[in-house]
Amino acid sequence: MNWVCYILRCADNTLYTGVTNDLEKRLAAHSAGLAAKYTRSRGPVMPVLVESCCDRSSALKRELAIKGLTREEKLALIRSARG
């Protein structure tokens, strides 16, 4: 399984961070309003950062680290990943 940690930009310009081992399926669930309660009323969502992780544990640790960042730090992370 290939785990990823991702950040979504919601329609209201907020950011949501999550993990999955099937990004395409998870994005479809977010778009359909069937995934996280947070994104249900904030769609549509757009992925702005996707980081590969070697396993579920690593993905969850990365998610926790990202969730600990300020909004500005998250935006800087997104900008740096885009090159």
PDB file of N, CA and C in Angstrom:
ATOM      1  N   MET A   1       0.824  -1.187   0.000  1.00  0.00           N
ATOM      2  CA  MET A   1       0.000   0.000   0.000  1.00  0.00           C
ATOM      3  C   MET A   1       0.867   1.249   0.000  1.00  0.00           C
ATOM      4  N   ASN A   2       0.453   2.217  -0.779  1.00  0.00           N
ATOM      5  CA  ASN A   2       1.172   3.472  -0.854  1.00  0.00           C
ATOM      6  C   ASN A   2       0.365   4.545  -0.112  1.00  0.00           C
ATOM      7  N   TRP A   3       0.820   4.942   1.040  1.00  0.00           N
ATOM      8  CA  TRP A   3       0.126   5.946   1.845  1.00  0.00           C
ATOM      9  C   TRP A   3       0.586   7.341   1.473  1.00  0.00           C
ATOM     10  N   VAL A   4      -0.337   8.300   1.560  1.00  0.00           N
ATOM     11  CA  VAL A   4      -0.018   9.699   1.311  1.00  0.00           C
ATOM     12  C   VAL A   4      -0.652  10.571   2.388  1.00  0.00           C
ATOM     13  N   CYS A   5      -0.026  11.693   2.621  1.00  0.00           N
ATOM     14  CA  CYS A   5      -0.582  12.757   3.451  1.00  0.00           C
ATOM     15  C   CYS A   5      -0.886  13.883   2.467  1.00  0.00           C
ATOM     16  N   TYR A   6      -2.056  14.492   2.602  1.00  0.00           N
ATOM     17  CA  TYR A   6      -2.462  15.496   1.621  1.00  0.00           C
ATOM     18  C   TYR A   6      -3.087  16.708   2.301  1.00  0.00           C
ATOM     19  N   ILE A   7      -3.029  17.820   1.587  1.00  0.00           N
ATOM     20  CA  ILE A   7      -3.717  19.043   2.009  1.00  0.00           C
ATOM     21  C   ILE A   7      -4.673  19.425   0.899  1.00  0.00           C
ATOM     22  N   LEU A   8      -5.915  19.727   1.277  1.00  0.00           N
ATOM     23  CA  LEU A   8      -6.924  20.195   0.341  1.00  0.00           C
ATOM     24  C   LEU A   8      -7.216  21.664   0.612  1.00  0.00           C
ATOM     25  N   ARG A   9      -7.493  22.398  -0.450  1.00  0.00           N
ATOM     26  CA  ARG A   9      -8.005  23.763  -0.312  1.00  0.00           C
ATOM     27  C   ARG A   9      -9.503  23.669  -0.567  1.00  0.00           C
ATOM     28  N   CYS A  10     -10.276  24.101   0.414  1.00  0.00           N
ATOM     29  CA  CYS A  10     -11.736  24.060   0.308  1.00  0.00           C
ATOM     30  C   CYS A  10     -12.242  25.317  -0.401  1.00  0.00           C
ATOM     31  N   ALA A  11     -13.498  25.280  -0.801  1.00  0.00           N
ATOM     32  CA  ALA A  11     -14.097  26.405  -1.525  1.00  0.00           C
ATOM     33  C   ALA A  11     -14.083  27.690  -0.711  1.00  0.00           C
ATOM     34  N   ASP A  12     -14.133  27.566   0.619  1.00  0.00           N
ATOM     35  CA  ASP A  12     -14.091  28.769   1.467  1.00  0.00           C
ATOM     36  C   ASP A  12     -12.661  29.196   1.787  1.00  0.00           C
ATOM     37  N   ASN A  13     -11.682  28.608   1.066  1.00  0.00           N
ATOM     38  CA  ASN A  13     -10.263  28.936   1.170  1.00  0.00           C
ATOM     39  C   ASN A  13      -9.605  28.416   2.450  1.00  0.00           C
ATOM     40  N   THR A  14     -10.271  27.522   3.180  1.00  0.00           N
ATOM     41  CA  THR A  14      -9.641  26.884   4.327  1.00  0.00           C
ATOM     42  C   THR A  14      -8.851  25.678   3.844  1.00  0.00           C
ATOM     43  N   LEU A  15      -7.991  25.167   4.710  1.00  0.00           N
ATOM     44  CA  LEU A  15      -7.154  24.029   4.372  1.00  0.00           C
ATOM     45  C   LEU A  15      -7.539  22.826   5.236  1.00  0.00           C
ATOM     46  N   TYR A  16      -7.542  21.650   4.623  1.00  0.00           N
ATOM     47  CA  TYR A  16      -7.854  20.404   5.319  1.00  0.00           C
ATOM     48  C   TYR A  16      -6.709  19.435   5.068  1.00  0.00           C
ATOM     49  N   THR A  17      -6.232  18.769   6.110  1.00  0.00           N
ATOM     50  CA  THR A  17      -5.145  17.808   5.992  1.00  0.00           C
ATOM     51  C   THR A  17      -5.653  16.420   6.350  1.00  0.00           C
ATOM     52  N   GLY A  18      -5.258  15.433   5.563  1.00  0.00           N
ATOM     53  CA  GLY A  18      -5.669  14.058   5.824  1.00  0.00           C
ATOM     54  C   GLY A  18      -4.664  13.062   5.289  1.00  0.00           C
ATOM     55  N   VAL A  19      -4.962  11.774   5.493  1.00  0.00           N
ATOM     56  CA  VAL A  19      -4.128  10.690   4.984  1.00  0.00           C
ATOM     57  C   VAL A  19      -5.017   9.650   4.317  1.00  0.00           C
ATOM     58  N   THR A  20      -4.425   8.910   3.385  1.00  0.00           N
ATOM     59  CA  THR A  20      -5.150   7.839   2.712  1.00  0.00           C
ATOM     60  C   THR A  20      -4.169   6.911   2.008  1.00  0.00           C
ATOM     61  N   ASN A  21      -4.667   5.729   1.668  1.00  0.00           N
ATOM     62  CA  ASN A  21      -3.868   4.825   0.839  1.00  0.00           C
ATOM     63  C   ASN A  21      -4.500   4.694  -0.555  1.00  0.00           C
ATOM     64  N   ASP A  22      -5.535   5.484  -0.821  1.00  0.00           N
ATOM     65  CA  ASP A  22      -6.174   5.522  -2.137  1.00  0.00           C
ATOM     66  C   ASP A  22      -6.639   6.958  -2.380  1.00  0.00           C
ATOM     67  N   LEU A  23      -5.736   7.777  -2.868  1.00  0.00           N
ATOM     68  CA  LEU A  23      -6.004   9.214  -3.009  1.00  0.00           C
ATOM     69  C   LEU A  23      -7.178   9.489  -3.946  1.00  0.00           C
ATOM     70  N   GLU A  24      -7.236   8.818  -5.070  1.00  0.00           N
ATOM     71  CA  GLU A  24      -8.317   9.053  -6.028  1.00  0.00           C
ATOM     72  C   GLU A  24      -9.684   8.777  -5.393  1.00  0.00           C
ATOM     73  N   LYS A  25      -9.792   7.672  -4.687  1.00  0.00           N
ATOM     74  CA  LYS A  25     -11.052   7.320  -4.029  1.00  0.00           C
ATOM     75  C   LYS A  25     -11.396   8.319  -2.923  1.00  0.00           C
ATOM     76  N   ARG A  26     -10.395   8.734  -2.165  1.00  0.00           N
ATOM     77  CA  ARG A  26     -10.627   9.671  -1.067  1.00  0.00           C
ATOM     78  C   ARG A  26     -11.047  11.047  -1.590  1.00  0.00           C
ATOM     79  N   LEU A  27     -10.420  11.510  -2.670  1.00  0.00           N
ATOM     80  CA  LEU A  27     -10.799  12.796  -3.261  1.00  0.00           C
ATOM     81  C   LEU A  27     -12.228  12.743  -3.791  1.00  0.00           C
ATOM     82  N   ALA A  28     -12.599  11.612  -4.383  1.00  0.00           N
ATOM     83  CA  ALA A  28     -13.978  11.448  -4.870  1.00  0.00           C
ATOM     84  C   ALA A  28     -14.949  11.499  -3.696  1.00  0.00           C
ATOM     85  N   ALA A  29     -14.588  10.877  -2.576  1.00  0.00           N
ATOM     86  CA  ALA A  29     -15.444  10.894  -1.387  1.00  0.00           C
ATOM     87  C   ALA A  29     -15.572  12.311  -0.837  1.00  0.00           C
ATOM     88  N   HIS A  30     -14.475  13.055  -0.805  1.00  0.00           N
ATOM     89  CA  HIS A  30     -14.530  14.452  -0.354  1.00  0.00           C
ATOM     90  C   HIS A  30     -15.449  15.259  -1.272  1.00  0.00           C
ATOM     91  N   SER A  31     -15.293  15.083  -2.570  1.00  0.00           N
ATOM     92  CA  SER A  31     -16.088  15.837  -3.536  1.00  0.00           C
ATOM     93  C   SER A  31     -17.573  15.501  -3.444  1.00  0.00           C
ATOM     94  N   ALA A  32     -17.869  14.249  -3.087  1.00  0.00           N
ATOM     95  CA  ALA A  32     -19.263  13.813  -2.969  1.00  0.00           C
ATOM     96  C   ALA A  32     -19.865  14.142  -1.604  1.00  0.00           C
ATOM     97  N   GLY A  33     -19.047  14.703  -0.712  1.00  0.00           N
ATOM     98  CA  GLY A  33     -19.528  15.030   0.625  1.00  0.00           C
ATOM     99  C   GLY A  33     -19.630  13.827   1.533  1.00  0.00           C
ATOM    100  N   LEU A  34     -18.891  12.767   1.210  1.00  0.00           N
ATOM    101  CA  LEU A  34     -18.967  11.522   1.972  1.00  0.00           C
ATOM    102  C   LEU A  34     -17.729  11.233   2.806  1.00  0.00           C
ATOM    103  N   ALA A  35     -16.790  12.145   2.827  1.00  0.00           N
ATOM    104  CA  ALA A  35     -15.545  11.893   3.556  1.00  0.00           C
ATOM    105  C   ALA A  35     -15.603  12.598   4.908  1.00  0.00           C
ATOM    106  N   ALA A  36     -14.750  13.526   5.138  1.00  0.00           N
ATOM    107  CA  ALA A  36     -14.661  14.219   6.418  1.00  0.00           C
ATOM    108  C   ALA A  36     -15.822  15.188   6.616  1.00  0.00           C
ATOM    109  N   LYS A  37     -16.306  15.245   7.829  1.00  0.00           N
ATOM    110  CA  LYS A  37     -17.383  16.177   8.167  1.00  0.00           C
ATOM    111  C   LYS A  37     -16.969  17.616   7.853  1.00  0.00           C
ATOM    112  N   TYR A  38     -15.696  17.926   8.086  1.00  0.00           N
ATOM    113  CA  TYR A  38     -15.186  19.277   7.857  1.00  0.00           C
ATOM    114  C   TYR A  38     -15.381  19.711   6.405  1.00  0.00           C
ATOM    115  N   THR A  39     -15.096  18.824   5.462  1.00  0.00           N
ATOM    116  CA  THR A  39     -15.147  19.202   4.048  1.00  0.00           C
ATOM    117  C   THR A  39     -16.546  19.095   3.444  1.00  0.00           C
ATOM    118  N   ARG A  40     -17.470  18.449   4.141  1.00  0.00           N
ATOM    119  CA  ARG A  40     -18.823  18.254   3.609  1.00  0.00           C
ATOM    120  C   ARG A  40     -19.484  19.539   3.166  1.00  0.00           C
ATOM    121  N   SER A  41     -19.401  20.555   3.990  1.00  0.00           N
ATOM    122  CA  SER A  41     -20.068  21.822   3.674  1.00  0.00           C
ATOM    123  C   SER A  41     -19.119  22.848   3.065  1.00  0.00           C
ATOM    124  N   ARG A  42     -17.902  22.431   2.769  1.00  0.00           N
ATOM    125  CA  ARG A  42     -16.904  23.371   2.250  1.00  0.00           C
ATOM    126  C   ARG A  42     -16.423  23.024   0.848  1.00  0.00           C
ATOM    127  N   GLY A  43     -17.154  22.179   0.146  1.00  0.00           N
ATOM    128  CA  GLY A  43     -16.751  21.758  -1.181  1.00  0.00           C
ATOM    129  C   GLY A  43     -17.082  22.809  -2.215  1.00  0.00           C
ATOM    130  N   PRO A  44     -16.519  22.698  -3.385  1.00  0.00           N
ATOM    131  CA  PRO A  44     -15.603  21.637  -3.776  1.00  0.00           C
ATOM    132  C   PRO A  44     -14.206  21.837  -3.177  1.00  0.00           C
ATOM    133  N   VAL A  45     -13.461  20.754  -3.174  1.00  0.00           N
ATOM    134  CA  VAL A  45     -12.100  20.791  -2.639  1.00  0.00           C
ATOM    135  C   VAL A  45     -11.104  20.527  -3.762  1.00  0.00           C
ATOM    136  N   MET A  46      -9.890  21.024  -3.569  1.00  0.00           N
ATOM    137  CA  MET A  46      -8.837  20.832  -4.553  1.00  0.00           C
ATOM    138  C   MET A  46      -7.550  20.445  -3.831  1.00  0.00           C
ATOM    139  N   PRO A  47      -6.903  19.352  -4.244  1.00  0.00           N
ATOM    140  CA  PRO A  47      -5.634  18.991  -3.604  1.00  0.00           C
ATOM    141  C   PRO A  47      -4.556  20.015  -3.946  1.00  0.00           C
ATOM    142  N   VAL A  48      -3.840  20.485  -2.922  1.00  0.00           N
ATOM    143  CA  VAL A  48      -2.772  21.457  -3.154  1.00  0.00           C
ATOM    144  C   VAL A  48      -1.412  20.914  -2.729  1.00  0.00           C
ATOM    145  N   LEU A  49      -1.413  19.791  -2.002  1.00  0.00           N
ATOM    146  CA  LEU A  49      -0.154  19.155  -1.604  1.00  0.00           C
ATOM    147  C   LEU A  49      -0.412  17.680  -1.374  1.00  0.00           C
ATOM    148  N   VAL A  50       0.439  16.835  -1.938  1.00  0.00           N
ATOM    149  CA  VAL A  50       0.374  15.397  -1.713  1.00  0.00           C
ATOM    150  C   VAL A  50       1.797  14.919  -1.464  1.00  0.00           C
ATOM    151  N   GLU A  51       2.013  14.310  -0.298  1.00  0.00           N
ATOM    152  CA  GLU A  51       3.334  13.779   0.057  1.00  0.00           C
ATOM    153  C   GLU A  51       3.239  12.274   0.241  1.00  0.00           C
ATOM    154  N   SER A  52       4.093  11.533  -0.438  1.00  0.00           N
ATOM    155  CA  SER A  52       4.136  10.084  -0.283  1.00  0.00           C
ATOM    156  C   SER A  52       4.770   9.722   1.048  1.00  0.00           C
ATOM    157  N   CYS A  53       4.231   8.676   1.668  1.00  0.00           N
ATOM    158  CA  CYS A  53       4.758   8.171   2.933  1.00  0.00           C
ATOM    159  C   CYS A  53       4.955   6.669   2.798  1.00  0.00           C
ATOM    160  N   CYS A  54       5.906   6.128   3.524  1.00  0.00           N
ATOM    161  CA  CYS A  54       6.227   4.708   3.361  1.00  0.00           C
ATOM    162  C   CYS A  54       5.200   3.779   4.006  1.00  0.00           C
ATOM    163  N   ASP A  55       4.459   4.258   4.992  1.00  0.00           N
ATOM    164  CA  ASP A  55       3.441   3.418   5.635  1.00  0.00           C
ATOM    165  C   ASP A  55       2.423   4.300   6.358  1.00  0.00           C
ATOM    166  N   ARG A  56       1.393   3.663   6.908  1.00  0.00           N
ATOM    167  CA  ARG A  56       0.319   4.400   7.571  1.00  0.00           C
ATOM    168  C   ARG A  56       0.835   5.208   8.755  1.00  0.00           C
ATOM    169  N   SER A  57       1.730   4.615   9.519  1.00  0.00           N
ATOM    170  CA  SER A  57       2.284   5.292  10.690  1.00  0.00           C
ATOM    171  C   SER A  57       2.997   6.581  10.294  1.00  0.00           C
ATOM    172  N   SER A  58       3.797   6.512   9.256  1.00  0.00           N
ATOM    173  CA  SER A  58       4.515   7.697   8.778  1.00  0.00           C
ATOM    174  C   SER A  58       3.549   8.761   8.277  1.00  0.00           C
ATOM    175  N   ALA A  59       2.506   8.324   7.592  1.00  0.00           N
ATOM    176  CA  ALA A  59       1.511   9.267   7.077  1.00  0.00           C
ATOM    177  C   ALA A  59       0.798   9.973   8.224  1.00  0.00           C
ATOM    178  N   LEU A  60       0.430   9.225   9.257  1.00  0.00           N
ATOM    179  CA  LEU A  60      -0.252   9.825  10.401  1.00  0.00           C
ATOM    180  C   LEU A  60       0.655  10.784  11.161  1.00  0.00           C
ATOM    181  N   LYS A  61       1.930  10.442  11.269  1.00  0.00           N
ATOM    182  CA  LYS A  61       2.876  11.337  11.933  1.00  0.00           C
ATOM    183  C   LYS A  61       3.049  12.630  11.136  1.00  0.00           C
ATOM    184  N   ARG A  62       3.101  12.508   9.813  1.00  0.00           N
ATOM    185  CA  ARG A  62       3.234  13.695   8.968  1.00  0.00           C
ATOM    186  C   ARG A  62       1.975  14.556   9.059  1.00  0.00           C
ATOM    187  N   GLU A  63       0.799  13.904   9.066  1.00  0.00           N
ATOM    188  CA  GLU A  63      -0.455  14.639   9.211  1.00  0.00           C
ATOM    189  C   GLU A  63      -0.466  15.439  10.515  1.00  0.00           C
ATOM    190  N   LEU A  64      -0.057  14.812  11.594  1.00  0.00           N
ATOM    191  CA  LEU A  64      -0.019  15.485  12.895  1.00  0.00           C
ATOM    192  C   LEU A  64       0.940  16.667  12.863  1.00  0.00           C
ATOM    193  N   ALA A  65       2.096  16.482  12.220  1.00  0.00           N
ATOM    194  CA  ALA A  65       3.072  17.577  12.118  1.00  0.00           C
ATOM    195  C   ALA A  65       2.494  18.745  11.319  1.00  0.00           C
ATOM    196  N   ILE A  66       1.822  18.442  10.210  1.00  0.00           N
ATOM    197  CA  ILE A  66       1.241  19.505   9.379  1.00  0.00           C
ATOM    198  C   ILE A  66       0.121  20.209  10.127  1.00  0.00           C
ATOM    199  N   LYS A  67      -0.707  19.447  10.823  1.00  0.00           N
ATOM    200  CA  LYS A  67      -1.813  20.055  11.572  1.00  0.00           C
ATOM    201  C   LYS A  67      -1.308  20.967  12.683  1.00  0.00           C
ATOM    202  N   GLY A  68      -0.070  20.772  13.114  1.00  0.00           N
ATOM    203  CA  GLY A  68       0.527  21.616  14.136  1.00  0.00           C
ATOM    204  C   GLY A  68       1.081  22.926  13.596  1.00  0.00           C
ATOM    205  N   LEU A  69       1.117  23.067  12.279  1.00  0.00           N
ATOM    206  CA  LEU A  69       1.626  24.288  11.662  1.00  0.00           C
ATOM    207  C   LEU A  69       0.558  25.376  11.656  1.00  0.00           C
ATOM    208  N   THR A  70       1.007  26.602  11.612  1.00  0.00           N
ATOM    209  CA  THR A  70       0.070  27.713  11.432  1.00  0.00           C
ATOM    210  C   THR A  70      -0.380  27.719   9.973  1.00  0.00           C
ATOM    211  N   ARG A  71      -1.411  28.475   9.690  1.00  0.00           N
ATOM    212  CA  ARG A  71      -1.885  28.587   8.307  1.00  0.00           C
ATOM    213  C   ARG A  71      -0.776  29.117   7.397  1.00  0.00           C
ATOM    214  N   GLU A  72      -0.068  30.130   7.859  1.00  0.00           N
ATOM    215  CA  GLU A  72       1.012  30.698   7.048  1.00  0.00           C
ATOM    216  C   GLU A  72       2.103  29.661   6.773  1.00  0.00           C
ATOM    217  N   GLU A  73       2.431  28.860   7.774  1.00  0.00           N
ATOM    218  CA  GLU A  73       3.444  27.813   7.581  1.00  0.00           C
ATOM    219  C   GLU A  73       2.949  26.754   6.591  1.00  0.00           C
ATOM    220  N   LYS A  74       1.670  26.426   6.649  1.00  0.00           N
ATOM    221  CA  LYS A  74       1.106  25.469   5.686  1.00  0.00           C
ATOM    222  C   LYS A  74       1.168  26.042   4.278  1.00  0.00           C
ATOM    223  N   LEU A  75       0.830  27.310   4.120  1.00  0.00           N
ATOM    224  CA  LEU A  75       0.888  27.942   2.801  1.00  0.00           C
ATOM    225  C   LEU A  75       2.326  27.979   2.274  1.00  0.00           C
ATOM    226  N   ALA A  76       3.283  28.218   3.148  1.00  0.00           N
ATOM    227  CA  ALA A  76       4.689  28.212   2.747  1.00  0.00           C
ATOM    228  C   ALA A  76       5.101  26.805   2.315  1.00  0.00           C
ATOM    229  N   LEU A  77       4.625  25.794   3.033  1.00  0.00           N
ATOM    230  CA  LEU A  77       4.919  24.400   2.661  1.00  0.00           C
ATOM    231  C   LEU A  77       4.358  24.086   1.284  1.00  0.00           C
ATOM    232  N   ILE A  78       3.148  24.512   1.027  1.00  0.00           N
ATOM    233  CA  ILE A  78       2.505  24.298  -0.268  1.00  0.00           C
ATOM    234  C   ILE A  78       3.299  24.999  -1.374  1.00  0.00           C
ATOM    235  N   ARG A  79       3.676  26.245  -1.121  1.00  0.00           N
ATOM    236  CA  ARG A  79       4.458  27.001  -2.119  1.00  0.00           C
ATOM    237  C   ARG A  79       5.799  26.317  -2.390  1.00  0.00           C
ATOM    238  N   SER A  80       6.466  25.852  -1.341  1.00  0.00           N
ATOM    239  CA  SER A  80       7.786  25.232  -1.530  1.00  0.00           C
ATOM    240  C   SER A  80       7.689  23.910  -2.295  1.00  0.00           C
ATOM    241  N   ALA A  81       6.586  23.203  -2.118  1.00  0.00           N
ATOM    242  CA  ALA A  81       6.407  21.926  -2.828  1.00  0.00           C
ATOM    243  C   ALA A  81       6.131  22.144  -4.309  1.00  0.00           C
ATOM    244  N   ARG A  82       5.578  23.279  -4.643  1.00  0.00           N
ATOM    245  CA  ARG A  82       5.269  23.582  -6.044  1.00  0.00           C
ATOM    246  C   ARG A  82       6.498  24.041  -6.812  1.00  0.00           C
ATOM    247  N   GLY A  83       7.570  24.330  -6.080  1.00  0.00           N
ATOM    248  CA  GLY A  83       8.823  24.662  -6.705  1.00  0.00           C
ATOM    249  C   GLY A  83       8.948  26.050  -7.100  1.00  0.00           C
TER     250      GLY A  83
END
